[in-house]
Structures are given as structure tokens and as C-alpha cells.
Amino acid sequence: MNMENKSFGKEQRIRKRSDYQSIYKEGARVHSKSFIVLVNPNCRGRTRLGITASKKVGNSVARNRIKRLVREFFRLNRDRLPVSTDIVVIAKKDISLLNYQVVCKELEVMCEKR
């Protein structure tokens, strides 16, 4: 396994507000207990990830922890995700106590639903 293709660089992130807004408007939504996932095809040739965690999730420590867990899932499971797709994961409130296994289980189910 080459670490080069397991990185999470800038080209795999959704960074512009306009990109987020178009995904919110046009993307297909999948809900779970802890997350809402929006999936929208793109023409960039690569899968990109965006994560949203509002203050309802908790303080900055809790929000950043959830974002790290989601990024880790994306980084390790990128080959299972659809190519040329923008994915936005929205964290719901009160999920700051989730561990990595629970996050993986919920996001895997959502990947299968798409």
C-alpha cells in the first residue's frame, strides 16, 4: 500500500463557498442517525470531500475531532467511493462522543445507499 495515494491533499477538498452552495442545492441527500451526506457528481475527475460541523455539535475540540474522524474514513476508503463526485458530510448535533468505529459503520452504510 503506497502512502502517496492515501494522502488527503488540497485537490481532494471542497474549499469554495460557491461549491458548497451548489452541492447543498443540487446534491442527493442520505440521512443517518449522526450525519447527513450530500452527493453531487462533478466534472473534475476526482472525488472531493467537504465537512460541516456547526456549534450544535459541540465546542471546537468536539467539532474538530468529528472532522478528523470523517477525513480519516474518507482517506482510507476513497477507492470505494464513486469517482468524480463531491461529497459533503454534515454532522448532526450531540455526536461528539462517537468513536471511529461508529463513524465508519454509519458512513459505510451511507456509501452503500447512494
PDB file of N, CA and C in Angstrom:
ATOM      1  N   MET A   1       0.843  -1.173   0.000  1.00  0.00           N
ATOM      2  CA  MET A   1       0.000   0.000   0.000  1.00  0.00           C
ATOM      3  C   MET A   1       0.889   1.237   0.000  1.00  0.00           C
ATOM      4  N   ASN A   2       0.734   2.044  -0.999  1.00  0.00           N
ATOM      5  CA  ASN A   2       1.544   3.246  -1.159  1.00  0.00           C
ATOM      6  C   ASN A   2       0.905   4.407  -0.397  1.00  0.00           C
ATOM      7  N   MET A   3       1.679   5.080   0.441  1.00  0.00           N
ATOM      8  CA  MET A   3       1.154   6.193   1.224  1.00  0.00           C
ATOM      9  C   MET A   3       0.836   7.401   0.342  1.00  0.00           C
ATOM     10  N   GLU A   4       1.460   7.478  -0.811  1.00  0.00           N
ATOM     11  CA  GLU A   4       1.227   8.602  -1.710  1.00  0.00           C
ATOM     12  C   GLU A   4      -0.250   8.721  -2.071  1.00  0.00           C
ATOM     13  N   ASN A   5      -0.896   7.611  -2.376  1.00  0.00           N
ATOM     14  CA  ASN A   5      -2.285   7.665  -2.779  1.00  0.00           C
ATOM     15  C   ASN A   5      -3.253   7.591  -1.601  1.00  0.00           C
ATOM     16  N   LYS A   6      -2.753   7.571  -0.380  1.00  0.00           N
ATOM     17  CA  LYS A   6      -3.601   7.575   0.805  1.00  0.00           C
ATOM     18  C   LYS A   6      -3.600   8.934   1.495  1.00  0.00           C
ATOM     19  N   SER A   7      -2.978   9.931   0.872  1.00  0.00           N
ATOM     20  CA  SER A   7      -2.940  11.253   1.486  1.00  0.00           C
ATOM     21  C   SER A   7      -4.278  11.968   1.251  1.00  0.00           C
ATOM     22  N   PHE A   8      -4.435  13.103   1.889  1.00  0.00           N
ATOM     23  CA  PHE A   8      -5.652  13.892   1.753  1.00  0.00           C
ATOM     24  C   PHE A   8      -5.241  15.330   1.469  1.00  0.00           C
ATOM     25  N   GLY A   9      -4.927  15.612   0.205  1.00  0.00           N
ATOM     26  CA  GLY A   9      -4.405  16.906  -0.188  1.00  0.00           C
ATOM     27  C   GLY A   9      -5.492  17.908  -0.542  1.00  0.00           C
ATOM     28  N   LYS A  10      -5.059  19.094  -0.924  1.00  0.00           N
ATOM     29  CA  LYS A  10      -5.990  20.175  -1.244  1.00  0.00           C
ATOM     30  C   LYS A  10      -6.916  19.833  -2.402  1.00  0.00           C
ATOM     31  N   GLU A  11      -6.410  19.059  -3.355  1.00  0.00           N
ATOM     32  CA  GLU A  11      -7.238  18.732  -4.522  1.00  0.00           C
ATOM     33  C   GLU A  11      -8.385  17.787  -4.174  1.00  0.00           C
ATOM     34  N   GLN A  12      -8.355  17.172  -3.004  1.00  0.00           N
ATOM     35  CA  GLN A  12      -9.442  16.292  -2.585  1.00  0.00           C
ATOM     36  C   GLN A  12     -10.422  16.969  -1.634  1.00  0.00           C
ATOM     37  N   ARG A  13     -10.271  18.272  -1.419  1.00  0.00           N
ATOM     38  CA  ARG A  13     -11.135  19.009  -0.503  1.00  0.00           C
ATOM     39  C   ARG A  13     -12.036  19.957  -1.277  1.00  0.00           C
ATOM     40  N   ILE A  14     -13.230  20.128  -0.791  1.00  0.00           N
ATOM     41  CA  ILE A  14     -14.110  21.167  -1.305  1.00  0.00           C
ATOM     42  C   ILE A  14     -13.793  22.402  -0.479  1.00  0.00           C
ATOM     43  N   ARG A  15     -13.365  23.474  -1.151  1.00  0.00           N
ATOM     44  CA  ARG A  15     -12.856  24.627  -0.414  1.00  0.00           C
ATOM     45  C   ARG A  15     -13.635  25.906  -0.655  1.00  0.00           C
ATOM     46  N   LYS A  16     -14.333  26.010  -1.760  1.00  0.00           N
ATOM     47  CA  LYS A  16     -15.015  27.263  -2.100  1.00  0.00           C
ATOM     48  C   LYS A  16     -16.457  27.253  -1.620  1.00  0.00           C
ATOM     49  N   ARG A  17     -16.878  28.396  -1.138  1.00  0.00           N
ATOM     50  CA  ARG A  17     -18.249  28.546  -0.660  1.00  0.00           C
ATOM     51  C   ARG A  17     -19.242  28.275  -1.786  1.00  0.00           C
ATOM     52  N   SER A  18     -18.924  28.716  -2.988  1.00  0.00           N
ATOM     53  CA  SER A  18     -19.823  28.508  -4.129  1.00  0.00           C
ATOM     54  C   SER A  18     -19.993  27.020  -4.436  1.00  0.00           C
ATOM     55  N   ASP A  19     -18.929  26.225  -4.256  1.00  0.00           N
ATOM     56  CA  ASP A  19     -19.035  24.774  -4.450  1.00  0.00           C
ATOM     57  C   ASP A  19     -19.966  24.163  -3.418  1.00  0.00           C
ATOM     58  N   TYR A  20     -19.807  24.574  -2.157  1.00  0.00           N
ATOM     59  CA  TYR A  20     -20.697  24.071  -1.107  1.00  0.00           C
ATOM     60  C   TYR A  20     -22.143  24.425  -1.416  1.00  0.00           C
ATOM     61  N   GLN A  21     -22.391  25.662  -1.811  1.00  0.00           N
ATOM     62  CA  GLN A  21     -23.768  26.093  -2.078  1.00  0.00           C
ATOM     63  C   GLN A  21     -24.398  25.312  -3.221  1.00  0.00           C
ATOM     64  N   SER A  22     -23.641  25.029  -4.278  1.00  0.00           N
ATOM     65  CA  SER A  22     -24.217  24.266  -5.389  1.00  0.00           C
ATOM     66  C   SER A  22     -24.484  22.820  -4.977  1.00  0.00           C
ATOM     67  N   ILE A  23     -23.630  22.259  -4.111  1.00  0.00           N
ATOM     68  CA  ILE A  23     -23.861  20.889  -3.638  1.00  0.00           C
ATOM     69  C   ILE A  23     -25.086  20.851  -2.737  1.00  0.00           C
ATOM     70  N   TYR A  24     -25.240  21.859  -1.858  1.00  0.00           N
ATOM     71  CA  TYR A  24     -26.425  21.913  -0.996  1.00  0.00           C
ATOM     72  C   TYR A  24     -27.701  22.003  -1.832  1.00  0.00           C
ATOM     73  N   LYS A  25     -27.624  22.737  -2.933  1.00  0.00           N
ATOM     74  CA  LYS A  25     -28.799  22.957  -3.765  1.00  0.00           C
ATOM     75  C   LYS A  25     -29.115  21.742  -4.635  1.00  0.00           C
ATOM     76  N   GLU A  26     -28.091  21.104  -5.218  1.00  0.00           N
ATOM     77  CA  GLU A  26     -28.314  20.078  -6.233  1.00  0.00           C
ATOM     78  C   GLU A  26     -28.034  18.652  -5.775  1.00  0.00           C
ATOM     79  N   GLY A  27     -27.342  18.475  -4.650  1.00  0.00           N
ATOM     80  CA  GLY A  27     -26.897  17.153  -4.244  1.00  0.00           C
ATOM     81  C   GLY A  27     -28.005  16.253  -3.714  1.00  0.00           C
ATOM     82  N   ALA A  28     -27.807  14.953  -3.878  1.00  0.00           N
ATOM     83  CA  ALA A  28     -28.721  13.956  -3.324  1.00  0.00           C
ATOM     84  C   ALA A  28     -28.371  13.761  -1.850  1.00  0.00           C
ATOM     85  N   ARG A  29     -29.386  13.694  -0.993  1.00  0.00           N
ATOM     86  CA  ARG A  29     -29.171  13.589   0.446  1.00  0.00           C
ATOM     87  C   ARG A  29     -29.426  12.178   0.949  1.00  0.00           C
ATOM     88  N   VAL A  30     -28.548  11.766   1.860  1.00  0.00           N
ATOM     89  CA  VAL A  30     -28.721  10.491   2.549  1.00  0.00           C
ATOM     90  C   VAL A  30     -28.575  10.787   4.039  1.00  0.00           C
ATOM     91  N   HIS A  31     -29.541  10.327   4.845  1.00  0.00           N
ATOM     92  CA  HIS A  31     -29.543  10.625   6.271  1.00  0.00           C
ATOM     93  C   HIS A  31     -29.184   9.390   7.089  1.00  0.00           C
ATOM     94  N   SER A  32     -28.532   9.620   8.204  1.00  0.00           N
ATOM     95  CA  SER A  32     -28.328   8.574   9.205  1.00  0.00           C
ATOM     96  C   SER A  32     -28.549   9.209  10.573  1.00  0.00           C
ATOM     97  N   LYS A  33     -28.297   8.462  11.613  1.00  0.00           N
ATOM     98  CA  LYS A  33     -28.513   8.976  12.972  1.00  0.00           C
ATOM     99  C   LYS A  33     -27.614  10.173  13.266  1.00  0.00           C
ATOM    100  N   SER A  34     -26.379  10.149  12.787  1.00  0.00           N
ATOM    101  CA  SER A  34     -25.409  11.168  13.157  1.00  0.00           C
ATOM    102  C   SER A  34     -24.981  12.092  12.025  1.00  0.00           C
ATOM    103  N   PHE A  35     -25.299  11.739  10.777  1.00  0.00           N
ATOM    104  CA  PHE A  35     -24.795  12.513   9.642  1.00  0.00           C
ATOM    105  C   PHE A  35     -25.854  12.699   8.571  1.00  0.00           C
ATOM    106  N   ILE A  36     -25.683  13.765   7.801  1.00  0.00           N
ATOM    107  CA  ILE A  36     -26.375  13.947   6.532  1.00  0.00           C
ATOM    108  C   ILE A  36     -25.270  14.000   5.486  1.00  0.00           C
ATOM    109  N   VAL A  37     -25.382  13.200   4.447  1.00  0.00           N
ATOM    110  CA  VAL A  37     -24.367  13.178   3.391  1.00  0.00           C
ATOM    111  C   VAL A  37     -25.013  13.655   2.094  1.00  0.00           C
ATOM    112  N   LEU A  38     -24.397  14.652   1.493  1.00  0.00           N
ATOM    113  CA  LEU A  38     -24.840  15.164   0.203  1.00  0.00           C
ATOM    114  C   LEU A  38     -23.861  14.692  -0.853  1.00  0.00           C
ATOM    115  N   VAL A  39     -24.382  14.127  -1.929  1.00  0.00           N
ATOM    116  CA  VAL A  39     -23.546  13.598  -3.005  1.00  0.00           C
ATOM    117  C   VAL A  39     -23.962  14.269  -4.302  1.00  0.00           C
ATOM    118  N   ASN A  40     -22.975  14.805  -5.014  1.00  0.00           N
ATOM    119  CA  ASN A  40     -23.243  15.504  -6.264  1.00  0.00           C
ATOM    120  C   ASN A  40     -22.126  15.191  -7.257  1.00  0.00           C
ATOM    121  N   PRO A  41     -22.454  14.758  -8.479  1.00  0.00           N
ATOM    122  CA  PRO A  41     -21.403  14.489  -9.465  1.00  0.00           C
ATOM    123  C   PRO A  41     -20.676  15.781  -9.856  1.00  0.00           C
ATOM    124  N   ASN A  42     -19.386  15.648 -10.172  1.00  0.00           N
ATOM    125  CA  ASN A  42     -18.624  16.796 -10.665  1.00  0.00           C
ATOM    126  C   ASN A  42     -17.913  16.407 -11.944  1.00  0.00           C
ATOM    127  N   CYS A  43     -17.290  17.378 -12.586  1.00  0.00           N
ATOM    128  CA  CYS A  43     -16.587  17.102 -13.839  1.00  0.00           C
ATOM    129  C   CYS A  43     -15.080  17.249 -13.656  1.00  0.00           C
ATOM    130  N   ARG A  44     -14.599  17.134 -12.442  1.00  0.00           N
ATOM    131  CA  ARG A  44     -13.182  17.311 -12.146  1.00  0.00           C
ATOM    132  C   ARG A  44     -12.373  16.021 -12.282  1.00  0.00           C
ATOM    133  N   GLY A  45     -13.031  14.875 -12.315  1.00  0.00           N
ATOM    134  CA  GLY A  45     -12.306  13.622 -12.452  1.00  0.00           C
ATOM    135  C   GLY A  45     -11.786  13.066 -11.143  1.00  0.00           C
ATOM    136  N   ARG A  46     -12.144  13.676 -10.034  1.00  0.00           N
ATOM    137  CA  ARG A  46     -11.711  13.176  -8.721  1.00  0.00           C
ATOM    138  C   ARG A  46     -12.824  13.379  -7.704  1.00  0.00           C
ATOM    139  N   THR A  47     -12.795  12.558  -6.680  1.00  0.00           N
ATOM    140  CA  THR A  47     -13.755  12.668  -5.592  1.00  0.00           C
ATOM    141  C   THR A  47     -13.241  13.684  -4.585  1.00  0.00           C
ATOM    142  N   ARG A  48     -14.126  14.604  -4.177  1.00  0.00           N
ATOM    143  CA  ARG A  48     -13.739  15.617  -3.204  1.00  0.00           C
ATOM    144  C   ARG A  48     -14.650  15.539  -1.987  1.00  0.00           C
ATOM    145  N   LEU A  49     -14.116  15.928  -0.842  1.00  0.00           N
ATOM    146  CA  LEU A  49     -14.846  15.855   0.421  1.00  0.00           C
ATOM    147  C   LEU A  49     -14.935  17.225   1.059  1.00  0.00           C
ATOM    148  N   GLY A  50     -16.108  17.525   1.609  1.00  0.00           N
ATOM    149  CA  GLY A  50     -16.315  18.706   2.436  1.00  0.00           C
ATOM    150  C   GLY A  50     -17.007  18.263   3.707  1.00  0.00           C
ATOM    151  N   ILE A  51     -16.667  18.882   4.823  1.00  0.00           N
ATOM    152  CA  ILE A  51     -17.247  18.508   6.111  1.00  0.00           C
ATOM    153  C   ILE A  51     -17.787  19.762   6.779  1.00  0.00           C
ATOM    154  N   THR A  52     -19.004  19.665   7.308  1.00  0.00           N
ATOM    155  CA  THR A  52     -19.609  20.762   8.033  1.00  0.00           C
ATOM    156  C   THR A  52     -19.973  20.274   9.425  1.00  0.00           C
ATOM    157  N   ALA A  53     -19.518  21.015  10.436  1.00  0.00           N
ATOM    158  CA  ALA A  53     -19.864  20.709  11.831  1.00  0.00           C
ATOM    159  C   ALA A  53     -20.165  22.030  12.515  1.00  0.00           C
ATOM    160  N   SER A  54     -21.438  22.288  12.769  1.00  0.00           N
ATOM    161  CA  SER A  54     -21.826  23.554  13.383  1.00  0.00           C
ATOM    162  C   SER A  54     -21.586  23.506  14.895  1.00  0.00           C
ATOM    163  N   LYS A  55     -21.847  24.615  15.551  1.00  0.00           N
ATOM    164  CA  LYS A  55     -21.641  24.686  17.002  1.00  0.00           C
ATOM    165  C   LYS A  55     -22.617  23.797  17.770  1.00  0.00           C
ATOM    166  N   LYS A  56     -23.665  23.310  17.096  1.00  0.00           N
ATOM    167  CA  LYS A  56     -24.585  22.364  17.733  1.00  0.00           C
ATOM    168  C   LYS A  56     -23.884  21.051  18.071  1.00  0.00           C
ATOM    169  N   VAL A  57     -22.823  20.735  17.329  1.00  0.00           N
ATOM    170  CA  VAL A  57     -22.068  19.504  17.559  1.00  0.00           C
ATOM    171  C   VAL A  57     -21.326  19.583  18.890  1.00  0.00           C
ATOM    172  N   GLY A  58     -20.857  20.765  19.234  1.00  0.00           N
ATOM    173  CA  GLY A  58     -20.121  20.940  20.482  1.00  0.00           C
ATOM    174  C   GLY A  58     -19.098  22.046  20.343  1.00  0.00           C
ATOM    175  N   ASN A  59     -18.161  22.059  21.263  1.00  0.00           N
ATOM    176  CA  ASN A  59     -17.121  23.088  21.215  1.00  0.00           C
ATOM    177  C   ASN A  59     -16.127  22.768  20.092  1.00  0.00           C
ATOM    178  N   SER A  60     -15.123  23.616  19.927  1.00  0.00           N
ATOM    179  CA  SER A  60     -14.200  23.450  18.806  1.00  0.00           C
ATOM    180  C   SER A  60     -13.442  22.127  18.872  1.00  0.00           C
ATOM    181  N   VAL A  61     -13.153  21.669  20.071  1.00  0.00           N
ATOM    182  CA  VAL A  61     -12.456  20.384  20.215  1.00  0.00           C
ATOM    183  C   VAL A  61     -13.321  19.251  19.675  1.00  0.00           C
ATOM    184  N   ALA A  62     -14.599  19.255  20.034  1.00  0.00           N
ATOM    185  CA  ALA A  62     -15.520  18.206  19.574  1.00  0.00           C
ATOM    186  C   ALA A  62     -15.733  18.285  18.068  1.00  0.00           C
ATOM    187  N   ARG A  63     -15.904  19.503  17.536  1.00  0.00           N
ATOM    188  CA  ARG A  63     -16.124  19.656  16.092  1.00  0.00           C
ATOM    189  C   ARG A  63     -14.912  19.186  15.297  1.00  0.00           C
ATOM    190  N   ASN A  64     -13.733  19.577  15.732  1.00  0.00           N
ATOM    191  CA  ASN A  64     -12.524  19.178  15.011  1.00  0.00           C
ATOM    192  C   ASN A  64     -12.289  17.681  15.105  1.00  0.00           C
ATOM    193  N   ARG A  65     -12.643  17.062  16.222  1.00  0.00           N
ATOM    194  CA  ARG A  65     -12.491  15.611  16.369  1.00  0.00           C
ATOM    195  C   ARG A  65     -13.379  14.873  15.369  1.00  0.00           C
ATOM    196  N   ILE A  66     -14.635  15.297  15.257  1.00  0.00           N
ATOM    197  CA  ILE A  66     -15.546  14.668  14.299  1.00  0.00           C
ATOM    198  C   ILE A  66     -15.018  14.838  12.881  1.00  0.00           C
ATOM    199  N   LYS A  67     -14.520  16.026  12.558  1.00  0.00           N
ATOM    200  CA  LYS A  67     -13.984  16.263  11.214  1.00  0.00           C
ATOM    201  C   LYS A  67     -12.766  15.386  10.936  1.00  0.00           C
ATOM    202  N   ARG A  68     -11.925  15.197  11.931  1.00  0.00           N
ATOM    203  CA  ARG A  68     -10.755  14.308  11.754  1.00  0.00           C
ATOM    204  C   ARG A  68     -11.200  12.884  11.495  1.00  0.00           C
ATOM    205  N   LEU A  69     -12.211  12.415  12.225  1.00  0.00           N
ATOM    206  CA  LEU A  69     -12.693  11.040  12.040  1.00  0.00           C
ATOM    207  C   LEU A  69     -13.286  10.847  10.643  1.00  0.00           C
ATOM    208  N   VAL A  70     -14.049  11.822  10.174  1.00  0.00           N
ATOM    209  CA  VAL A  70     -14.649  11.719   8.838  1.00  0.00           C
ATOM    210  C   VAL A  70     -13.567  11.752   7.769  1.00  0.00           C
ATOM    211  N   ARG A  71     -12.581  12.645   7.916  1.00  0.00           N
ATOM    212  CA  ARG A  71     -11.480  12.706   6.948  1.00  0.00           C
ATOM    213  C   ARG A  71     -10.714  11.393   6.906  1.00  0.00           C
ATOM    214  N   GLU A  72     -10.494  10.784   8.056  1.00  0.00           N
ATOM    215  CA  GLU A  72      -9.771   9.509   8.104  1.00  0.00           C
ATOM    216  C   GLU A  72     -10.558   8.424   7.375  1.00  0.00           C
ATOM    217  N   PHE A  73     -11.876   8.375   7.577  1.00  0.00           N
ATOM    218  CA  PHE A  73     -12.712   7.407   6.859  1.00  0.00           C
ATOM    219  C   PHE A  73     -12.591   7.638   5.353  1.00  0.00           C
ATOM    220  N   PHE A  74     -12.706   8.880   4.936  1.00  0.00           N
ATOM    221  CA  PHE A  74     -12.618   9.212   3.507  1.00  0.00           C
ATOM    222  C   PHE A  74     -11.261   8.817   2.940  1.00  0.00           C
ATOM    223  N   ARG A  75     -10.206   9.129   3.667  1.00  0.00           N
ATOM    224  CA  ARG A  75      -8.844   8.865   3.208  1.00  0.00           C
ATOM    225  C   ARG A  75      -8.613   7.375   2.996  1.00  0.00           C
ATOM    226  N   LEU A  76      -9.102   6.549   3.924  1.00  0.00           N
ATOM    227  CA  LEU A  76      -8.860   5.110   3.858  1.00  0.00           C
ATOM    228  C   LEU A  76      -9.828   4.376   2.927  1.00  0.00           C
ATOM    229  N   ASN A  77     -10.976   4.984   2.629  1.00  0.00           N
ATOM    230  CA  ASN A  77     -11.999   4.306   1.823  1.00  0.00           C
ATOM    231  C   ASN A  77     -12.271   5.008   0.504  1.00  0.00           C
ATOM    232  N   ARG A  78     -11.357   5.846   0.065  1.00  0.00           N
ATOM    233  CA  ARG A  78     -11.568   6.613  -1.162  1.00  0.00           C
ATOM    234  C   ARG A  78     -11.826   5.720  -2.363  1.00  0.00           C
ATOM    235  N   ASP A  79     -11.179   4.571  -2.429  1.00  0.00           N
ATOM    236  CA  ASP A  79     -11.359   3.678  -3.584  1.00  0.00           C
ATOM    237  C   ASP A  79     -12.751   3.064  -3.635  1.00  0.00           C
ATOM    238  N   ARG A  80     -13.491   3.066  -2.531  1.00  0.00           N
ATOM    239  CA  ARG A  80     -14.857   2.526  -2.503  1.00  0.00           C
ATOM    240  C   ARG A  80     -15.892   3.561  -2.880  1.00  0.00           C
ATOM    241  N   LEU A  81     -15.486   4.832  -2.936  1.00  0.00           N
ATOM    242  CA  LEU A  81     -16.416   5.914  -3.223  1.00  0.00           C
ATOM    243  C   LEU A  81     -16.491   6.159  -4.727  1.00  0.00           C
ATOM    244  N   PRO A  82     -17.601   6.729  -5.192  1.00  0.00           N
ATOM    245  CA  PRO A  82     -17.740   6.984  -6.628  1.00  0.00           C
ATOM    246  C   PRO A  82     -16.729   8.017  -7.109  1.00  0.00           C
ATOM    247  N   VAL A  83     -16.224   7.834  -8.324  1.00  0.00           N
ATOM    248  CA  VAL A  83     -15.251   8.747  -8.915  1.00  0.00           C
ATOM    249  C   VAL A  83     -15.990   9.985  -9.432  1.00  0.00           C
ATOM    250  N   SER A  84     -15.316  11.104  -9.475  1.00  0.00           N
ATOM    251  CA  SER A  84     -15.881  12.371  -9.966  1.00  0.00           C
ATOM    252  C   SER A  84     -17.139  12.754  -9.211  1.00  0.00           C
ATOM    253  N   THR A  85     -17.029  12.779  -7.902  1.00  0.00           N
ATOM    254  CA  THR A  85     -18.164  13.092  -7.055  1.00  0.00           C
ATOM    255  C   THR A  85     -17.731  14.039  -5.946  1.00  0.00           C
ATOM    256  N   ASP A  86     -18.590  14.998  -5.650  1.00  0.00           N
ATOM    257  CA  ASP A  86     -18.391  15.853  -4.486  1.00  0.00           C
ATOM    258  C   ASP A  86     -19.258  15.305  -3.363  1.00  0.00           C
ATOM    259  N   ILE A  87     -18.655  15.127  -2.188  1.00  0.00           N
ATOM    260  CA  ILE A  87     -19.356  14.590  -1.035  1.00  0.00           C
ATOM    261  C   ILE A  87     -19.229  15.597   0.105  1.00  0.00           C
ATOM    262  N   VAL A  88     -20.359  16.000   0.662  1.00  0.00           N
ATOM    263  CA  VAL A  88     -20.357  16.872   1.835  1.00  0.00           C
ATOM    264  C   VAL A  88     -20.993  16.097   2.981  1.00  0.00           C
ATOM    265  N   VAL A  89     -20.275  15.997   4.092  1.00  0.00           N
ATOM    266  CA  VAL A  89     -20.773  15.320   5.287  1.00  0.00           C
ATOM    267  C   VAL A  89     -21.129  16.393   6.293  1.00  0.00           C
ATOM    268  N   ILE A  90     -22.388  16.408   6.719  1.00  0.00           N
ATOM    269  CA  ILE A  90     -22.858  17.359   7.716  1.00  0.00           C
ATOM    270  C   ILE A  90     -23.071  16.594   9.013  1.00  0.00           C
ATOM    271  N   ALA A  91     -22.382  17.011  10.059  1.00  0.00           N
ATOM    272  CA  ALA A  91     -22.520  16.367  11.368  1.00  0.00           C
ATOM    273  C   ALA A  91     -23.766  16.915  12.064  1.00  0.00           C
ATOM    274  N   LYS A  92     -24.576  16.015  12.621  1.00  0.00           N
ATOM    275  CA  LYS A  92     -25.746  16.434  13.381  1.00  0.00           C
ATOM    276  C   LYS A  92     -25.336  16.745  14.812  1.00  0.00           C
ATOM    277  N   LYS A  93     -26.260  17.282  15.580  1.00  0.00           N
ATOM    278  CA  LYS A  93     -25.908  17.704  16.937  1.00  0.00           C
ATOM    279  C   LYS A  93     -25.722  16.513  17.881  1.00  0.00           C
ATOM    280  N   ASP A  94     -24.968  16.757  18.929  1.00  0.00           N
ATOM    281  CA  ASP A  94     -24.738  15.791  20.012  1.00  0.00           C
ATOM    282  C   ASP A  94     -24.096  14.491  19.543  1.00  0.00           C
ATOM    283  N   ILE A  95     -23.097  14.572  18.689  1.00  0.00           N
ATOM    284  CA  ILE A  95     -22.413  13.351  18.253  1.00  0.00           C
ATOM    285  C   ILE A  95     -20.942  13.371  18.625  1.00  0.00           C
ATOM    286  N   SER A  96     -20.566  14.272  19.508  1.00  0.00           N
ATOM    287  CA  SER A  96     -19.146  14.448  19.816  1.00  0.00           C
ATOM    288  C   SER A  96     -18.538  13.235  20.518  1.00  0.00           C
ATOM    289  N   LEU A  97     -19.349  12.336  21.062  1.00  0.00           N
ATOM    290  CA  LEU A  97     -18.818  11.177  21.783  1.00  0.00           C
ATOM    291  C   LEU A  97     -18.649   9.949  20.899  1.00  0.00           C
ATOM    292  N   LEU A  98     -18.925  10.075  19.612  1.00  0.00           N
ATOM    293  CA  LEU A  98     -18.765   8.928  18.707  1.00  0.00           C
ATOM    294  C   LEU A  98     -17.306   8.525  18.600  1.00  0.00           C
ATOM    295  N   ASN A  99     -17.076   7.222  18.496  1.00  0.00           N
ATOM    296  CA  ASN A  99     -15.708   6.770  18.234  1.00  0.00           C
ATOM    297  C   ASN A  99     -15.571   6.440  16.745  1.00  0.00           C
ATOM    298  N   TYR A 100     -14.356   6.123  16.339  1.00  0.00           N
ATOM    299  CA  TYR A 100     -14.072   5.917  14.918  1.00  0.00           C
ATOM    300  C   TYR A 100     -14.868   4.744  14.346  1.00  0.00           C
ATOM    301  N   GLN A 101     -15.041   3.680  15.110  1.00  0.00           N
ATOM    302  CA  GLN A 101     -15.772   2.511  14.603  1.00  0.00           C
ATOM    303  C   GLN A 101     -17.224   2.861  14.291  1.00  0.00           C
ATOM    304  N   VAL A 102     -17.855   3.662  15.133  1.00  0.00           N
ATOM    305  CA  VAL A 102     -19.249   4.053  14.903  1.00  0.00           C
ATOM    306  C   VAL A 102     -19.346   4.960  13.674  1.00  0.00           C
ATOM    307  N   VAL A 103     -18.408   5.893  13.554  1.00  0.00           N
ATOM    308  CA  VAL A 103     -18.392   6.780  12.391  1.00  0.00           C
ATOM    309  C   VAL A 103     -18.242   5.951  11.113  1.00  0.00           C
ATOM    310  N   CYS A 104     -17.320   4.993  11.119  1.00  0.00           N
ATOM    311  CA  CYS A 104     -17.116   4.127   9.950  1.00  0.00           C
ATOM    312  C   CYS A 104     -18.373   3.351   9.608  1.00  0.00           C
ATOM    313  N   LYS A 105     -19.022   2.788  10.619  1.00  0.00           N
ATOM    314  CA  LYS A 105     -20.219   1.987  10.384  1.00  0.00           C
ATOM    315  C   LYS A 105     -21.320   2.827   9.736  1.00  0.00           C
ATOM    316  N   GLU A 106     -21.536   4.041  10.241  1.00  0.00           N
ATOM    317  CA  GLU A 106     -22.585   4.895   9.678  1.00  0.00           C
ATOM    318  C   GLU A 106     -22.245   5.352   8.268  1.00  0.00           C
ATOM    319  N   LEU A 107     -21.002   5.742   8.038  1.00  0.00           N
ATOM    320  CA  LEU A 107     -20.632   6.227   6.707  1.00  0.00           C
ATOM    321  C   LEU A 107     -20.557   5.095   5.685  1.00  0.00           C
ATOM    322  N   GLU A 108     -20.209   3.888   6.101  1.00  0.00           N
ATOM    323  CA  GLU A 108     -20.202   2.738   5.184  1.00  0.00           C
ATOM    324  C   GLU A 108     -21.624   2.437   4.706  1.00  0.00           C
ATOM    325  N   VAL A 109     -22.571   2.483   5.610  1.00  0.00           N
ATOM    326  CA  VAL A 109     -23.973   2.241   5.241  1.00  0.00           C
ATOM    327  C   VAL A 109     -24.433   3.315   4.255  1.00  0.00           C
ATOM    328  N   MET A 110     -23.988   4.541   4.477  1.00  0.00           N
ATOM    329  CA  MET A 110     -24.381   5.623   3.592  1.00  0.00           C
ATOM    330  C   MET A 110     -23.731   5.488   2.221  1.00  0.00           C
ATOM    331  N   CYS A 111     -22.525   4.963   2.170  1.00  0.00           N
ATOM    332  CA  CYS A 111     -21.861   4.730   0.886  1.00  0.00           C
ATOM    333  C   CYS A 111     -22.611   3.674   0.091  1.00  0.00           C
ATOM    334  N   GLU A 112     -23.168   2.689   0.784  1.00  0.00           N
ATOM    335  CA  GLU A 112     -23.905   1.626   0.099  1.00  0.00           C
ATOM    336  C   GLU A 112     -25.247   2.125  -0.401  1.00  0.00           C
ATOM    337  N   LYS A 113     -25.871   3.091   0.305  1.00  0.00           N
ATOM    338  CA  LYS A 113     -27.191   3.597  -0.077  1.00  0.00           C
ATOM    339  C   LYS A 113     -27.170   4.404  -1.364  1.00  0.00           C
ATOM    340  N   ARG A 114     -26.082   5.124  -1.614  1.00  0.00           N
ATOM    341  CA  ARG A 114     -26.027   6.080  -2.719  1.00  0.00           C
ATOM    342  C   ARG A 114     -26.439   5.514  -4.026  1.00  0.00           C
TER     343      ARG A 114
END
